[in-house]
Amino acid sequence: MKIKAGISAVLMAAFILLAGLTPAQAKDNCDKKMQKAENNLRKEIRKHGERSSQAEYRRRQLEQVREQCGRDHDRDHDRDHHDHDHDHDHR
């Protein structure tokens, strides 16, 4: 009976430790994905232009990464920048 309790305690401790590492690893993974998606967008804008199909594709990829990672704090900034550019298109 004591062996089962000991094994249970060890398994519980291992679970707690692993659960504590997972969010940090997930955040690091999301940070890397976000950085890569943002870099890809910047490259396409430089290479093909702000309104190119390549840049629009990279914007969609960036949005997907943001949704997957649960981050939406930069969306308003991007949307404002995007809307500002549309204002120039209609003049």
PDB file of N, CA and C in Angstrom:
ATOM      1  N   MET A   1       0.814  -1.176   0.000  1.00  0.00           N
ATOM      2  CA  MET A   1       0.000   0.000   0.000  1.00  0.00           C
ATOM      3  C   MET A   1       0.869   1.256   0.000  1.00  0.00           C
ATOM      4  N   LYS A   2       1.966   1.249   0.771  1.00  0.00           N
ATOM      5  CA  LYS A   2       2.853   2.406   0.809  1.00  0.00           C
ATOM      6  C   LYS A   2       3.544   2.607  -0.529  1.00  0.00           C
ATOM      7  N   ILE A   3       3.798   1.525  -1.232  1.00  0.00           N
ATOM      8  CA  ILE A   3       4.451   1.624  -2.542  1.00  0.00           C
ATOM      9  C   ILE A   3       3.529   2.349  -3.521  1.00  0.00           C
ATOM     10  N   LYS A   4       2.242   1.992  -3.504  1.00  0.00           N
ATOM     11  CA  LYS A   4       1.285   2.653  -4.390  1.00  0.00           C
ATOM     12  C   LYS A   4       1.194   4.143  -4.077  1.00  0.00           C
ATOM     13  N   ALA A   5       1.189   4.474  -2.802  1.00  0.00           N
ATOM     14  CA  ALA A   5       1.118   5.877  -2.400  1.00  0.00           C
ATOM     15  C   ALA A   5       2.372   6.615  -2.850  1.00  0.00           C
ATOM     16  N   GLY A   6       3.523   5.964  -2.717  1.00  0.00           N
ATOM     17  CA  GLY A   6       4.788   6.569  -3.152  1.00  0.00           C
ATOM     18  C   GLY A   6       4.818   6.792  -4.656  1.00  0.00           C
ATOM     19  N   ILE A   7       4.370   5.798  -5.398  1.00  0.00           N
ATOM     20  CA  ILE A   7       4.329   5.913  -6.857  1.00  0.00           C
ATOM     21  C   ILE A   7       3.359   7.029  -7.261  1.00  0.00           C
ATOM     22  N   SER A   8       2.226   7.064  -6.601  1.00  0.00           N
ATOM     23  CA  SER A   8       1.245   8.109  -6.900  1.00  0.00           C
ATOM     24  C   SER A   8       1.824   9.494  -6.630  1.00  0.00           C
ATOM     25  N   ALA A   9       2.546   9.619  -5.517  1.00  0.00           N
ATOM     26  CA  ALA A   9       3.140  10.913  -5.175  1.00  0.00           C
ATOM     27  C   ALA A   9       4.187  11.322  -6.210  1.00  0.00           C
ATOM     28  N   VAL A  10       5.011  10.379  -6.645  1.00  0.00           N
ATOM     29  CA  VAL A  10       6.038  10.669  -7.654  1.00  0.00           C
ATOM     30  C   VAL A  10       5.381  11.055  -8.981  1.00  0.00           C
ATOM     31  N   LEU A  11       4.361  10.310  -9.379  1.00  0.00           N
ATOM     32  CA  LEU A  11       3.667  10.628 -10.623  1.00  0.00           C
ATOM     33  C   LEU A  11       2.994  11.998 -10.558  1.00  0.00           C
ATOM     34  N   MET A  12       2.394  12.308  -9.417  1.00  0.00           N
ATOM     35  CA  MET A  12       1.747  13.601  -9.248  1.00  0.00           C
ATOM     36  C   MET A  12       2.774  14.726  -9.313  1.00  0.00           C
ATOM     37  N   ALA A  13       3.911  14.545  -8.657  1.00  0.00           N
ATOM     38  CA  ALA A  13       4.964  15.560  -8.685  1.00  0.00           C
ATOM     39  C   ALA A  13       5.485  15.754 -10.114  1.00  0.00           C
ATOM     40  N   ALA A  14       5.689  14.659 -10.830  1.00  0.00           N
ATOM     41  CA  ALA A  14       6.157  14.745 -12.212  1.00  0.00           C
ATOM     42  C   ALA A  14       5.132  15.475 -13.079  1.00  0.00           C
ATOM     43  N   PHE A  15       3.863  15.162 -12.878  1.00  0.00           N
ATOM     44  CA  PHE A  15       2.811  15.821 -13.636  1.00  0.00           C
ATOM     45  C   PHE A  15       2.802  17.324 -13.371  1.00  0.00           C
ATOM     46  N   ILE A  16       2.925  17.704 -12.116  1.00  0.00           N
ATOM     47  CA  ILE A  16       2.927  19.121 -11.746  1.00  0.00           C
ATOM     48  C   ILE A  16       4.123  19.829 -12.370  1.00  0.00           C
ATOM     49  N   LEU A  17       5.285  19.207 -12.321  1.00  0.00           N
ATOM     50  CA  LEU A  17       6.474  19.819 -12.915  1.00  0.00           C
ATOM     51  C   LEU A  17       6.331  19.970 -14.427  1.00  0.00           C
ATOM     52  N   LEU A  18       5.845  18.920 -15.077  1.00  0.00           N
ATOM     53  CA  LEU A  18       5.684  18.972 -16.526  1.00  0.00           C
ATOM     54  C   LEU A  18       4.606  19.971 -16.928  1.00  0.00           C
ATOM     55  N   ALA A  19       3.555  20.039 -16.163  1.00  0.00           N
ATOM     56  CA  ALA A  19       2.488  20.990 -16.462  1.00  0.00           C
ATOM     57  C   ALA A  19       3.007  22.421 -16.328  1.00  0.00           C
ATOM     58  N   GLY A  20       3.919  22.657 -15.395  1.00  0.00           N
ATOM     59  CA  GLY A  20       4.498  23.984 -15.221  1.00  0.00           C
ATOM     60  C   GLY A  20       5.400  24.374 -16.367  1.00  0.00           C
ATOM     61  N   LEU A  21       6.026  23.438 -17.013  1.00  0.00           N
ATOM     62  CA  LEU A  21       6.919  23.746 -18.129  1.00  0.00           C
ATOM     63  C   LEU A  21       6.159  23.956 -19.440  1.00  0.00           C
ATOM     64  N   THR A  22       5.063  23.302 -19.582  1.00  0.00           N
ATOM     65  CA  THR A  22       4.340  23.333 -20.842  1.00  0.00           C
ATOM     66  C   THR A  22       3.913  24.738 -21.258  1.00  0.00           C
ATOM     67  N   PRO A  23       3.306  25.554 -20.401  1.00  0.00           N
ATOM     68  CA  PRO A  23       2.930  26.902 -20.843  1.00  0.00           C
ATOM     69  C   PRO A  23       4.135  27.744 -21.282  1.00  0.00           C
ATOM     70  N   ALA A  24       5.242  27.618 -20.594  1.00  0.00           N
ATOM     71  CA  ALA A  24       6.439  28.377 -20.974  1.00  0.00           C
ATOM     72  C   ALA A  24       6.938  27.925 -22.344  1.00  0.00           C
ATOM     73  N   GLN A  25       6.920  26.626 -22.557  1.00  0.00           N
ATOM     74  CA  GLN A  25       7.357  26.114 -23.857  1.00  0.00           C
ATOM     75  C   GLN A  25       6.386  26.531 -24.954  1.00  0.00           C
ATOM     76  N   ALA A  26       5.097  26.505 -24.641  1.00  0.00           N
ATOM     77  CA  ALA A  26       4.096  26.913 -25.622  1.00  0.00           C
ATOM     78  C   ALA A  26       4.262  28.391 -25.968  1.00  0.00           C
ATOM     79  N   LYS A  27       4.519  29.226 -24.969  1.00  0.00           N
ATOM     80  CA  LYS A  27       4.721  30.657 -25.207  1.00  0.00           C
ATOM     81  C   LYS A  27       5.947  30.881 -26.077  1.00  0.00           C
ATOM     82  N   ASP A  28       7.026  30.178 -25.774  1.00  0.00           N
ATOM     83  CA  ASP A  28       8.245  30.310 -26.568  1.00  0.00           C
ATOM     84  C   ASP A  28       7.991  29.887 -28.016  1.00  0.00           C
ATOM     85  N   ASN A  29       7.260  28.811 -28.189  1.00  0.00           N
ATOM     86  CA  ASN A  29       6.933  28.318 -29.522  1.00  0.00           C
ATOM     87  C   ASN A  29       6.082  29.343 -30.274  1.00  0.00           C
ATOM     88  N   CYS A  30       5.098  29.912 -29.593  1.00  0.00           N
ATOM     89  CA  CYS A  30       4.259  30.933 -30.222  1.00  0.00           C
ATOM     90  C   CYS A  30       5.067  32.174 -30.568  1.00  0.00           C
ATOM     91  N   ASP A  31       5.947  32.577 -29.668  1.00  0.00           N
ATOM     92  CA  ASP A  31       6.786  33.745 -29.950  1.00  0.00           C
ATOM     93  C   ASP A  31       7.610  33.521 -31.211  1.00  0.00           C
ATOM     94  N   LYS A  32       8.171  32.329 -31.352  1.00  0.00           N
ATOM     95  CA  LYS A  32       8.977  32.023 -32.536  1.00  0.00           C
ATOM     96  C   LYS A  32       8.125  32.013 -33.800  1.00  0.00           C
ATOM     97  N   LYS A  33       6.937  31.423 -33.717  1.00  0.00           N
ATOM     98  CA  LYS A  33       6.044  31.383 -34.877  1.00  0.00           C
ATOM     99  C   LYS A  33       5.605  32.784 -35.275  1.00  0.00           C
ATOM    100  N   MET A  34       5.278  33.609 -34.282  1.00  0.00           N
ATOM    101  CA  MET A  34       4.855  34.983 -34.560  1.00  0.00           C
ATOM    102  C   MET A  34       5.986  35.766 -35.226  1.00  0.00           C
ATOM    103  N   GLN A  35       7.186  35.642 -34.686  1.00  0.00           N
ATOM    104  CA  GLN A  35       8.337  36.358 -35.238  1.00  0.00           C
ATOM    105  C   GLN A  35       8.588  35.945 -36.682  1.00  0.00           C
ATOM    106  N   LYS A  36       8.509  34.646 -36.940  1.00  0.00           N
ATOM    107  CA  LYS A  36       8.736  34.146 -38.298  1.00  0.00           C
ATOM    108  C   LYS A  36       7.663  34.664 -39.252  1.00  0.00           C
ATOM    109  N   ALA A  37       6.407  34.629 -38.822  1.00  0.00           N
ATOM    110  CA  ALA A  37       5.312  35.103 -39.673  1.00  0.00           C
ATOM    111  C   ALA A  37       5.442  36.603 -39.941  1.00  0.00           C
ATOM    112  N   GLU A  38       5.812  37.371 -38.926  1.00  0.00           N
ATOM    113  CA  GLU A  38       6.002  38.812 -39.102  1.00  0.00           C
ATOM    114  C   GLU A  38       7.169  39.099 -40.051  1.00  0.00           C
ATOM    115  N   ASN A  39       8.262  38.366 -39.898  1.00  0.00           N
ATOM    116  CA  ASN A  39       9.412  38.539 -40.795  1.00  0.00           C
ATOM    117  C   ASN A  39       9.044  38.196 -42.231  1.00  0.00           C
ATOM    118  N   ASN A  40       8.287  37.108 -42.413  1.00  0.00           N
ATOM    119  CA  ASN A  40       7.869  36.722 -43.761  1.00  0.00           C
ATOM    120  C   ASN A  40       7.008  37.806 -44.392  1.00  0.00           C
ATOM    121  N   LEU A  41       6.117  38.403 -43.614  1.00  0.00           N
ATOM    122  CA  LEU A  41       5.275  39.480 -44.134  1.00  0.00           C
ATOM    123  C   LEU A  41       6.125  40.678 -44.552  1.00  0.00           C
ATOM    124  N   ARG A  42       7.050  41.085 -43.688  1.00  0.00           N
ATOM    125  CA  ARG A  42       7.918  42.223 -44.023  1.00  0.00           C
ATOM    126  C   ARG A  42       8.709  41.967 -45.306  1.00  0.00           C
ATOM    127  N   LYS A  43       9.227  40.754 -45.461  1.00  0.00           N
ATOM    128  CA  LYS A  43       9.998  40.412 -46.667  1.00  0.00           C
ATOM    129  C   LYS A  43       9.142  40.526 -47.921  1.00  0.00           C
ATOM    130  N   GLU A  44       7.915  40.010 -47.851  1.00  0.00           N
ATOM    131  CA  GLU A  44       7.039  40.057 -49.026  1.00  0.00           C
ATOM    132  C   GLU A  44       6.642  41.492 -49.356  1.00  0.00           C
ATOM    133  N   ILE A  45       6.423  42.310 -48.330  1.00  0.00           N
ATOM    134  CA  ILE A  45       6.093  43.717 -48.573  1.00  0.00           C
ATOM    135  C   ILE A  45       7.257  44.418 -49.260  1.00  0.00           C
ATOM    136  N   ARG A  46       8.478  44.182 -48.754  1.00  0.00           N
ATOM    137  CA  ARG A  46       9.658  44.806 -49.379  1.00  0.00           C
ATOM    138  C   ARG A  46       9.841  44.331 -50.819  1.00  0.00           C
ATOM    139  N   LYS A  47       9.628  43.051 -51.026  1.00  0.00           N
ATOM    140  CA  LYS A  47       9.902  42.466 -52.329  1.00  0.00           C
ATOM    141  C   LYS A  47       8.797  42.746 -53.364  1.00  0.00           C
ATOM    142  N   HIS A  48       7.525  42.641 -52.927  1.00  0.00           N
ATOM    143  CA  HIS A  48       6.414  42.699 -53.880  1.00  0.00           C
ATOM    144  C   HIS A  48       5.448  43.861 -53.666  1.00  0.00           C
ATOM    145  N   GLY A  49       5.560  44.549 -52.534  1.00  0.00           N
ATOM    146  CA  GLY A  49       4.662  45.672 -52.276  1.00  0.00           C
ATOM    147  C   GLY A  49       3.598  45.354 -51.242  1.00  0.00           C
ATOM    148  N   GLU A  50       3.088  46.426 -50.654  1.00  0.00           N
ATOM    149  CA  GLU A  50       2.100  46.341 -49.561  1.00  0.00           C
ATOM    150  C   GLU A  50       0.830  45.603 -49.969  1.00  0.00           C
ATOM    151  N   ARG A  51       0.362  45.803 -51.171  1.00  0.00           N
ATOM    152  CA  ARG A  51      -0.905  45.230 -51.630  1.00  0.00           C
ATOM    153  C   ARG A  51      -0.729  43.986 -52.509  1.00  0.00           C
ATOM    154  N   SER A  52       0.440  43.436 -52.554  1.00  0.00           N
ATOM    155  CA  SER A  52       0.685  42.264 -53.402  1.00  0.00           C
ATOM    156  C   SER A  52      -0.042  41.037 -52.860  1.00  0.00           C
ATOM    157  N   SER A  53      -0.278  40.095 -53.743  1.00  0.00           N
ATOM    158  CA  SER A  53      -0.921  38.849 -53.319  1.00  0.00           C
ATOM    159  C   SER A  53      -0.016  38.088 -52.346  1.00  0.00           C
ATOM    160  N   GLN A  54       1.292  38.223 -52.534  1.00  0.00           N
ATOM    161  CA  GLN A  54       2.226  37.555 -51.632  1.00  0.00           C
ATOM    162  C   GLN A  54       2.126  38.137 -50.220  1.00  0.00           C
ATOM    163  N   ALA A  55       2.031  39.457 -50.119  1.00  0.00           N
ATOM    164  CA  ALA A  55       1.902  40.101 -48.808  1.00  0.00           C
ATOM    165  C   ALA A  55       0.566  39.746 -48.166  1.00  0.00           C
ATOM    166  N   GLU A  56      -0.497  39.704 -48.960  1.00  0.00           N
ATOM    167  CA  GLU A  56      -1.817  39.339 -48.418  1.00  0.00           C
ATOM    168  C   GLU A  56      -1.801  37.906 -47.892  1.00  0.00           C
ATOM    169  N   TYR A  57      -1.135  37.017 -48.615  1.00  0.00           N
ATOM    170  CA  TYR A  57      -1.006  35.623 -48.165  1.00  0.00           C
ATOM    171  C   TYR A  57      -0.284  35.562 -46.818  1.00  0.00           C
ATOM    172  N   ARG A  58       0.808  36.316 -46.698  1.00  0.00           N
ATOM    173  CA  ARG A  58       1.573  36.332 -45.442  1.00  0.00           C
ATOM    174  C   ARG A  58       0.771  36.971 -44.316  1.00  0.00           C
ATOM    175  N   ARG A  59      -0.074  37.946 -44.626  1.00  0.00           N
ATOM    176  CA  ARG A  59      -0.947  38.531 -43.606  1.00  0.00           C
ATOM    177  C   ARG A  59      -1.910  37.481 -43.060  1.00  0.00           C
ATOM    178  N   ARG A  60      -2.459  36.679 -43.972  1.00  0.00           N
ATOM    179  CA  ARG A  60      -3.375  35.610 -43.531  1.00  0.00           C
ATOM    180  C   ARG A  60      -2.637  34.596 -42.658  1.00  0.00           C
ATOM    181  N   GLN A  61      -1.416  34.265 -43.032  1.00  0.00           N
ATOM    182  CA  GLN A  61      -0.631  33.342 -42.209  1.00  0.00           C
ATOM    183  C   GLN A  61      -0.372  33.933 -40.831  1.00  0.00           C
ATOM    184  N   LEU A  62      -0.010  35.193 -40.760  1.00  0.00           N
ATOM    185  CA  LEU A  62       0.232  35.859 -39.491  1.00  0.00           C
ATOM    186  C   LEU A  62      -1.032  35.852 -38.640  1.00  0.00           C
ATOM    187  N   GLU A  63      -2.162  36.119 -39.252  1.00  0.00           N
ATOM    188  CA  GLU A  63      -3.435  36.115 -38.527  1.00  0.00           C
ATOM    189  C   GLU A  63      -3.729  34.721 -37.962  1.00  0.00           C
ATOM    190  N   GLN A  64      -3.439  33.691 -38.723  1.00  0.00           N
ATOM    191  CA  GLN A  64      -3.653  32.315 -38.250  1.00  0.00           C
ATOM    192  C   GLN A  64      -2.771  32.013 -37.046  1.00  0.00           C
ATOM    193  N   VAL A  65      -1.522  32.436 -37.101  1.00  0.00           N
ATOM    194  CA  VAL A  65      -0.610  32.210 -35.977  1.00  0.00           C
ATOM    195  C   VAL A  65      -1.127  32.949 -34.744  1.00  0.00           C
ATOM    196  N   ARG A  66      -1.568  34.173 -34.948  1.00  0.00           N
ATOM    197  CA  ARG A  66      -2.096  34.953 -33.820  1.00  0.00           C
ATOM    198  C   ARG A  66      -3.309  34.267 -33.203  1.00  0.00           C
ATOM    199  N   GLU A  67      -4.182  33.758 -34.047  1.00  0.00           N
ATOM    200  CA  GLU A  67      -5.360  33.063 -33.530  1.00  0.00           C
ATOM    201  C   GLU A  67      -4.970  31.793 -32.795  1.00  0.00           C
ATOM    202  N   GLN A  68      -4.043  31.047 -33.348  1.00  0.00           N
ATOM    203  CA  GLN A  68      -3.590  29.822 -32.704  1.00  0.00           C
ATOM    204  C   GLN A  68      -2.941  30.105 -31.361  1.00  0.00           C
ATOM    205  N   CYS A  69      -2.244  31.184 -31.280  1.00  0.00           N
ATOM    206  CA  CYS A  69      -1.527  31.514 -30.049  1.00  0.00           C
ATOM    207  C   CYS A  69      -2.379  32.346 -29.087  1.00  0.00           C
ATOM    208  N   GLY A  70      -3.568  32.718 -29.515  1.00  0.00           N
ATOM    209  CA  GLY A  70      -4.442  33.471 -28.635  1.00  0.00           C
ATOM    210  C   GLY A  70      -3.999  34.896 -28.417  1.00  0.00           C
ATOM    211  N   ARG A  71      -3.295  35.426 -29.387  1.00  0.00           N
ATOM    212  CA  ARG A  71      -2.808  36.800 -29.261  1.00  0.00           C
ATOM    213  C   ARG A  71      -3.576  37.683 -30.219  1.00  0.00           C
ATOM    214  N   ASP A  72      -4.093  38.760 -29.706  1.00  0.00           N
ATOM    215  CA  ASP A  72      -4.778  39.677 -30.603  1.00  0.00           C
ATOM    216  C   ASP A  72      -4.416  41.125 -30.317  1.00  0.00           C
ATOM    217  N   HIS A  73      -3.386  41.372 -29.485  1.00  0.00           N
ATOM    218  CA  HIS A  73      -3.065  42.740 -29.109  1.00  0.00           C
ATOM    219  C   HIS A  73      -2.452  43.551 -30.240  1.00  0.00           C
ATOM    220  N   ASP A  74      -1.871  42.901 -31.231  1.00  0.00           N
ATOM    221  CA  ASP A  74      -1.279  43.638 -32.346  1.00  0.00           C
ATOM    222  C   ASP A  74      -2.267  43.833 -33.498  1.00  0.00           C
ATOM    223  N   ARG A  75      -3.412  43.185 -33.446  1.00  0.00           N
ATOM    224  CA  ARG A  75      -4.356  43.257 -34.557  1.00  0.00           C
ATOM    225  C   ARG A  75      -4.840  44.673 -34.796  1.00  0.00           C
ATOM    226  N   ASP A  76      -5.146  45.395 -33.739  1.00  0.00           N
ATOM    227  CA  ASP A  76      -5.648  46.751 -33.912  1.00  0.00           C
ATOM    228  C   ASP A  76      -4.619  47.627 -34.607  1.00  0.00           C
ATOM    229  N   HIS A  77      -3.354  47.485 -34.230  1.00  0.00           N
ATOM    230  CA  HIS A  77      -2.290  48.264 -34.866  1.00  0.00           C
ATOM    231  C   HIS A  77      -2.209  47.941 -36.355  1.00  0.00           C
ATOM    232  N   ASP A  78      -2.212  46.645 -36.674  1.00  0.00           N
ATOM    233  CA  ASP A  78      -2.132  46.241 -38.072  1.00  0.00           C
ATOM    234  C   ASP A  78      -3.347  46.722 -38.849  1.00  0.00           C
ATOM    235  N   ARG A  79      -4.521  46.628 -38.246  1.00  0.00           N
ATOM    236  CA  ARG A  79      -5.745  47.039 -38.907  1.00  0.00           C
ATOM    237  C   ARG A  79      -5.724  48.550 -39.157  1.00  0.00           C
ATOM    238  N   ASP A  80      -5.249  49.319 -38.171  1.00  0.00           N
ATOM    239  CA  ASP A  80      -5.154  50.769 -38.352  1.00  0.00           C
ATOM    240  C   ASP A  80      -4.212  51.104 -39.487  1.00  0.00           C
ATOM    241  N   HIS A  81      -3.093  50.436 -39.550  1.00  0.00           N
ATOM    242  CA  HIS A  81      -2.114  50.667 -40.617  1.00  0.00           C
ATOM    243  C   HIS A  81      -2.732  50.293 -41.965  1.00  0.00           C
ATOM    244  N   HIS A  82      -3.412  49.181 -41.991  1.00  0.00           N
ATOM    245  CA  HIS A  82      -4.064  48.687 -43.205  1.00  0.00           C
ATOM    246  C   HIS A  82      -5.132  49.675 -43.667  1.00  0.00           C
ATOM    247  N   ASP A  83      -5.961  50.164 -42.752  1.00  0.00           N
ATOM    248  CA  ASP A  83      -7.012  51.121 -43.093  1.00  0.00           C
ATOM    249  C   ASP A  83      -6.421  52.438 -43.571  1.00  0.00           C
ATOM    250  N   HIS A  84      -5.319  52.862 -42.970  1.00  0.00           N
ATOM    251  CA  HIS A  84      -4.662  54.094 -43.381  1.00  0.00           C
ATOM    252  C   HIS A  84      -4.220  53.991 -44.840  1.00  0.00           C
ATOM    253  N   ASP A  85      -3.702  52.837 -45.210  1.00  0.00           N
ATOM    254  CA  ASP A  85      -3.276  52.627 -46.585  1.00  0.00           C
ATOM    255  C   ASP A  85      -4.465  52.669 -47.549  1.00  0.00           C
ATOM    256  N   HIS A  86      -5.615  52.150 -47.123  1.00  0.00           N
ATOM    257  CA  HIS A  86      -6.815  52.194 -47.961  1.00  0.00           C
ATOM    258  C   HIS A  86      -7.260  53.637 -48.199  1.00  0.00           C
ATOM    259  N   ASP A  87      -7.078  54.486 -47.188  1.00  0.00           N
ATOM    260  CA  ASP A  87      -7.435  55.887 -47.350  1.00  0.00           C
ATOM    261  C   ASP A  87      -6.648  56.506 -48.498  1.00  0.00           C
ATOM    262  N   HIS A  88      -5.396  56.144 -48.610  1.00  0.00           N
ATOM    263  CA  HIS A  88      -4.563  56.683 -49.681  1.00  0.00           C
ATOM    264  C   HIS A  88      -4.978  56.152 -51.036  1.00  0.00           C
ATOM    265  N   ASP A  89      -5.504  54.916 -51.072  1.00  0.00           N
ATOM    266  CA  ASP A  89      -5.918  54.314 -52.327  1.00  0.00           C
ATOM    267  C   ASP A  89      -7.134  55.013 -52.930  1.00  0.00           C
ATOM    268  N   HIS A  90      -7.966  55.610 -52.072  1.00  0.00           N
ATOM    269  CA  HIS A  90      -9.229  56.185 -52.539  1.00  0.00           C
ATOM    270  C   HIS A  90      -9.135  57.672 -52.838  1.00  0.00           C
ATOM    271  N   ARG A  91      -7.984  58.268 -52.718  1.00  0.00           N
ATOM    272  CA  ARG A  91      -7.848  59.709 -52.983  1.00  0.00           C
ATOM    273  C   ARG A  91      -7.599  59.989 -54.425  1.00  0.00           C
TER     274      ARG A  91
END
